[in-house]
């Protein structure tokens, strides 16, 4: 076949694949990889066995047609949906996005997520597919993440304090310009935007699990004041924090002493 034309080789490939069982069945034998495909409306159309175990589903039929909000806490699901929307709208992938995320039990851990646009025959984006992997199981020595782990952990552990990027750059042995460029390249955002996202996730948790006032939540999560907190929250979530609490607090217990994201960073999760 080496001497056949490219068109002939492509035709052979199409004929073979049309007769073969879908190769993505291999993903059912990768327990550390959570695989999913969603349509443009965010409905699952394909998942692997590990994903079924993650959401405690008995079969793929139990998941098909459902959305992230059917399985994951609201403040996590909204982040997944935003990333899906970016991939679908722009048509560009998200590659190995490292995130420290919180599960419904309050525990957190690091994960890599890759998302790609799904195209139809006319090359229009009709959905998104992706995989999520536990960082430690991918490669605990992976240089492009592990060298930056202290920076991310500093942001997460001390999200309520002002971010001093010069000090973080010095810890990495980089100039401020180098630090900013490399952070954006690896994590698809700036260090300040990353910290703001961590603060907002912590605020979401406090809104849903405590009866603290807006002013107290703003203070605990590092915003200048209640007005600054509300403005940033509306920009990210499209509604005031009070409305978010009213809309999503059903089913959550309120504990005025509950802490934020940084209080549980040493616990473990498995999460999409």
Protein backbone atom coordinates (compact mmCIF):
# COMPACT_ATOMS: atom_id res chain seq x y z
CA UNK A 1 0.00 0.00 0.00
CA UNK A 2 3.05 2.25 0.26
CA UNK A 3 2.81 3.04 -3.45
CA UNK A 4 -0.93 3.77 -3.39
CA UNK A 5 -2.12 7.35 -3.65
CA UNK A 6 -3.10 9.30 -0.57
CA UNK A 7 -6.73 9.20 -1.75
CA UNK A 8 -6.63 5.40 -2.00
CA UNK A 9 -5.15 5.09 1.48
CA UNK A 10 -7.86 7.34 2.91
CA UNK A 11 -10.55 5.29 1.19
CA UNK A 12 -9.06 2.11 2.67
CA UNK A 13 -9.07 3.70 6.13
CA UNK A 14 -12.72 4.74 5.83
CA UNK A 15 -13.78 1.26 4.68
CA UNK A 16 -11.93 -0.37 7.55
CA UNK A 17 -13.34 1.96 10.20
CA UNK A 18 -16.88 1.63 8.85
CA UNK A 19 -16.68 -2.12 9.55
CA UNK A 20 -14.78 -1.98 12.83
CA UNK A 21 -16.10 -1.45 16.32
CA UNK A 22 -15.42 2.09 17.47
CA UNK A 23 -11.76 2.30 18.64
CA UNK A 24 -12.78 4.46 21.61
CA UNK A 25 -13.83 1.22 23.33
CA UNK A 26 -10.18 1.15 24.42
CA UNK A 27 -10.99 4.00 26.78
CA UNK A 28 -13.16 1.64 28.84
CA UNK A 29 -9.94 -0.12 29.86
CA UNK A 30 -8.23 3.03 31.13
CA UNK A 31 -9.48 3.39 34.73
CA UNK A 32 -7.57 6.61 35.39
CA UNK A 33 -8.96 8.46 32.36
CA UNK A 34 -12.42 10.05 32.46
CA UNK A 35 -13.60 10.36 28.84
CA UNK A 36 -16.71 12.23 27.67
CA UNK A 37 -18.37 13.65 24.58
CA UNK A 38 -21.09 16.32 24.76
CA UNK A 39 -23.24 18.00 22.15
CA UNK A 40 -23.42 21.77 21.68
CA UNK A 41 -26.11 21.99 24.37
CA UNK A 42 -23.90 20.32 26.96
CA UNK A 43 -25.68 16.93 26.92
CA UNK A 44 -23.54 13.82 27.29
CA UNK A 45 -23.57 11.54 24.24
CA UNK A 46 -20.64 9.25 25.11
CA UNK A 47 -18.68 8.43 28.27
CA UNK A 48 -16.34 5.63 29.30
CA UNK A 49 -16.52 3.15 32.16
CA UNK A 50 -14.38 5.24 34.50
CA UNK A 51 -16.75 8.20 34.04
CA UNK A 52 -19.74 5.98 34.85
CA UNK A 53 -18.03 4.90 38.06
CA UNK A 54 -17.28 8.53 38.88
CA UNK A 55 -20.93 9.57 38.71
CA UNK A 56 -22.21 6.27 40.18
CA UNK A 57 -24.10 5.37 36.99
CA UNK A 58 -24.86 1.77 36.09
CA UNK A 59 -24.69 2.15 32.31
CA UNK A 60 -24.06 4.71 29.60
CA UNK A 61 -27.82 4.99 29.05
CA UNK A 62 -28.09 6.48 32.55
CA UNK A 63 -25.81 9.36 31.50
CA UNK A 64 -26.69 10.04 27.85
CA UNK A 65 -28.78 13.21 27.58
CA UNK A 66 -27.82 14.44 31.06
CA UNK A 67 -25.70 17.52 31.78
CA UNK A 68 -22.87 18.35 34.19
CA UNK A 69 -25.37 19.95 36.57
CA UNK A 70 -27.07 16.57 36.97
CA UNK A 71 -23.92 15.03 38.50
CA UNK A 72 -21.64 17.71 39.93
CA UNK A 73 -21.95 20.55 42.46
CA UNK A 74 -23.21 23.75 40.88
CA UNK A 75 -20.05 25.78 41.41
CA UNK A 76 -17.98 23.06 39.68
CA UNK A 77 -20.45 22.35 36.88
CA UNK A 78 -20.60 26.01 35.93
CA UNK A 79 -16.84 26.01 35.33
CA UNK A 80 -17.05 22.92 33.12
CA UNK A 81 -19.85 24.52 31.11
CA UNK A 82 -17.88 27.75 30.63
CA UNK A 83 -14.86 25.85 29.31
CA UNK A 84 -17.10 23.83 26.96
CA UNK A 85 -18.60 27.06 25.67
CA UNK A 86 -15.16 28.52 24.96
CA UNK A 87 -14.12 25.44 22.98
CA UNK A 88 -17.36 25.38 20.98
CA UNK A 89 -17.47 29.13 20.34
CA UNK A 90 -13.82 29.59 19.36
CA UNK A 91 -13.19 26.12 17.94
CA UNK A 92 -9.82 25.86 19.71
CA UNK A 93 -8.84 23.11 22.17
CA UNK A 94 -7.96 23.41 25.83
CA UNK A 95 -4.86 21.28 26.42
CA UNK A 96 -3.81 19.95 29.84
CA UNK A 97 -5.50 22.64 31.90
CA UNK A 98 -4.30 22.10 35.48
CA UNK A 99 -6.93 22.83 38.09
CA UNK A 100 -7.30 22.39 41.82
CA UNK A 101 -11.00 21.62 42.14
CA UNK A 102 -13.46 20.87 44.92
CA UNK A 103 -15.77 17.88 45.09
CA UNK A 104 -19.16 17.69 46.78
CA UNK A 105 -17.52 16.33 49.97
CA UNK A 106 -15.28 19.38 50.26
CA UNK A 107 -12.05 17.62 49.27
CA UNK A 108 -9.72 18.83 46.52
CA UNK A 109 -6.93 17.62 44.26
CA UNK A 110 -5.09 18.44 41.03
CA UNK A 111 -6.36 17.30 37.62
CA UNK A 112 -5.38 17.79 33.99
CA UNK A 113 -8.25 18.38 31.57
CA UNK A 114 -8.04 18.42 27.77
CA UNK A 115 -11.05 19.39 25.64
CA UNK A 116 -11.34 19.36 21.85
CA UNK A 117 -14.08 20.59 19.51
CA UNK A 118 -16.17 17.91 17.76
CA UNK A 119 -16.68 18.73 14.06
CA UNK A 120 -19.31 17.55 11.59
CA UNK A 121 -18.58 16.69 7.93
CA UNK A 122 -18.80 20.37 7.04
CA UNK A 123 -16.25 21.15 9.78
CA UNK A 124 -18.79 22.99 11.91
CA UNK A 125 -18.35 22.62 15.68
CA UNK A 126 -21.21 20.50 17.03
CA UNK A 127 -19.89 19.58 20.47
CA UNK A 128 -16.90 18.93 22.66
CA UNK A 129 -14.97 15.83 23.70
CA UNK A 130 -12.43 15.54 26.45
CA UNK A 131 -10.47 13.61 29.00
CA UNK A 132 -9.63 14.39 32.61
CA UNK A 133 -6.77 12.72 34.47
CA UNK A 134 -5.50 12.75 38.03
CA UNK A 135 -2.19 14.65 37.94
CA UNK A 136 -0.38 12.23 40.24
CA UNK A 137 -1.43 9.23 38.17
CA UNK A 138 -0.47 10.89 34.90
CA UNK A 139 3.14 11.48 35.99
CA UNK A 140 4.08 12.66 39.48
CA UNK A 141 7.37 14.03 38.13
CA UNK A 142 5.91 15.83 35.12
CA UNK A 143 8.10 18.92 34.83
CA UNK A 144 5.67 21.30 33.19
CA UNK A 145 3.34 20.92 36.15
CA UNK A 146 5.33 19.80 39.17
CA UNK A 147 7.73 22.75 39.02
CA UNK A 148 4.72 25.08 39.12
CA UNK A 149 2.81 23.22 41.82
CA UNK A 150 4.25 25.38 44.65
CA UNK A 151 3.04 28.53 42.86
CA UNK A 152 -0.49 27.19 42.37
CA UNK A 153 -0.63 25.86 45.91
CA UNK A 154 0.53 29.23 47.27
CA UNK A 155 -2.30 30.92 45.37
CA UNK A 156 -4.87 28.40 46.60
CA UNK A 157 -3.69 28.25 50.22
CA UNK A 158 -3.44 32.04 50.52
CA UNK A 159 -6.13 33.17 48.10
CA UNK A 160 -7.48 35.76 50.56
CA UNK A 161 -4.18 37.69 50.67
CA UNK A 162 -2.89 40.05 47.94
CA UNK A 163 -1.01 38.28 45.15
CA UNK A 164 2.65 39.32 44.91
CA UNK A 165 3.67 38.04 41.49
CA UNK A 166 7.19 39.44 41.84
CA UNK A 167 7.79 37.15 44.85
CA UNK A 168 6.32 34.14 43.03
CA UNK A 169 8.50 34.86 40.00
CA UNK A 170 11.56 35.06 42.23
CA UNK A 171 10.71 31.66 43.75
CA UNK A 172 10.64 30.23 40.21
CA UNK A 173 13.92 31.89 39.26
CA UNK A 174 12.17 33.93 36.57
CA UNK A 175 11.80 37.58 35.72
CA UNK A 176 8.32 39.00 36.14
CA UNK A 177 7.81 39.03 32.37
CA UNK A 178 8.97 35.42 32.00
CA UNK A 179 6.75 34.35 34.88
CA UNK A 180 3.66 35.98 33.38
CA UNK A 181 4.27 34.52 29.91
CA UNK A 182 4.95 31.01 31.17
CA UNK A 183 2.00 31.03 33.57
CA UNK A 184 -0.37 32.02 30.78
CA UNK A 185 1.08 29.37 28.46
CA UNK A 186 0.65 26.56 30.99
CA UNK A 187 -2.64 27.52 32.65
CA UNK A 188 -4.46 29.48 29.93
CA UNK A 189 -4.92 32.53 32.16
CA UNK A 190 -2.96 35.03 34.23
CA UNK A 191 -1.90 34.45 37.83
CA UNK A 192 -4.22 37.20 39.02
CA UNK A 193 -7.17 35.80 37.08
CA UNK A 194 -6.37 32.34 38.49
CA UNK A 195 -6.45 33.72 42.02
CA UNK A 196 -9.70 35.57 41.30
CA UNK A 197 -11.26 32.32 40.08
CA UNK A 198 -10.12 30.53 43.27
CA UNK A 199 -11.59 33.34 45.37
CA UNK A 200 -14.90 33.14 43.52
CA UNK A 201 -15.07 29.35 43.94
CA UNK A 202 -14.43 29.78 47.65
CA UNK A 203 -17.14 32.45 47.77
CA UNK A 204 -19.59 30.12 46.00
CA UNK A 205 -18.92 27.47 48.61
CA UNK A 206 -19.53 29.95 51.43
CA UNK A 207 -22.71 31.21 49.80
CA UNK A 208 -24.10 27.67 49.57
CA UNK A 209 -22.91 26.26 52.89
CA UNK A 210 -23.05 29.20 55.33
CA UNK A 211 -25.33 32.03 56.37
CA UNK A 212 -22.49 34.58 56.36
CA UNK A 213 -23.29 38.08 55.12
CA UNK A 214 -22.03 39.28 51.76
CA UNK A 215 -19.62 41.66 53.50
CA UNK A 216 -18.16 38.83 55.59
CA UNK A 217 -17.79 36.55 52.56
CA UNK A 218 -16.07 39.35 50.66
CA UNK A 219 -13.65 39.84 53.56
CA UNK A 220 -12.92 36.12 53.99
CA UNK A 221 -12.22 35.57 50.30
CA UNK A 222 -9.90 38.53 49.75
CA UNK A 223 -12.05 41.07 47.92
CA UNK A 224 -11.63 44.75 48.75
CA UNK A 225 -15.20 45.16 49.92
CA UNK A 226 -18.73 43.92 49.28
CA UNK A 227 -19.11 46.14 46.18
CA UNK A 228 -15.92 44.76 44.59
CA UNK A 229 -16.97 41.21 45.42
CA UNK A 230 -20.42 41.68 43.88
CA UNK A 231 -19.02 43.26 40.70
CA UNK A 232 -16.54 40.41 40.16
CA UNK A 233 -19.19 37.80 40.93
CA UNK A 234 -21.67 39.27 38.43
CA UNK A 235 -18.95 39.40 35.76
CA UNK A 236 -18.17 35.69 36.20
CA UNK A 237 -21.58 34.20 37.05
CA UNK A 238 -24.00 36.64 35.44
CA UNK A 239 -25.93 37.31 38.64
CA UNK A 240 -25.38 38.92 42.08
CA UNK A 241 -24.09 36.63 44.84
CA UNK A 242 -27.38 36.97 46.74
CA UNK A 243 -29.31 35.67 43.75
CA UNK A 244 -26.81 32.82 43.33
CA UNK A 245 -27.37 31.83 46.98
CA UNK A 246 -31.15 31.88 46.57
CA UNK A 247 -31.07 29.91 43.33
CA UNK A 248 -28.62 27.19 44.34
CA UNK A 249 -28.70 26.91 48.14
CA UNK A 250 -31.52 24.35 48.26
CA UNK A 251 -30.20 21.10 49.65
CA UNK A 252 -27.09 22.66 51.21
CA UNK A 253 -26.71 23.01 54.96
CA UNK A 254 -25.75 26.40 56.36
CA UNK A 255 -22.91 26.53 58.86
CA UNK A 256 -21.73 30.04 59.75
CA UNK A 257 -18.30 28.76 60.77
CA UNK A 258 -17.63 26.91 57.50
CA UNK A 259 -14.32 27.83 55.91
CA UNK A 260 -13.40 28.38 52.28
CA UNK A 261 -11.48 26.47 49.65
CA UNK A 262 -8.16 26.63 51.43
CA UNK A 263 -9.44 24.75 54.47
CA UNK A 264 -9.57 21.40 52.67
CA UNK A 265 -6.67 21.44 50.26
CA UNK A 266 -5.06 18.32 51.66
CA UNK A 267 -8.06 16.06 51.18
CA UNK A 268 -8.53 13.85 48.16
CA UNK A 269 -11.14 13.66 45.41
CA UNK A 270 -11.95 12.02 42.18
CA UNK A 271 -13.78 14.51 40.01
CA UNK A 272 -14.42 15.27 36.38
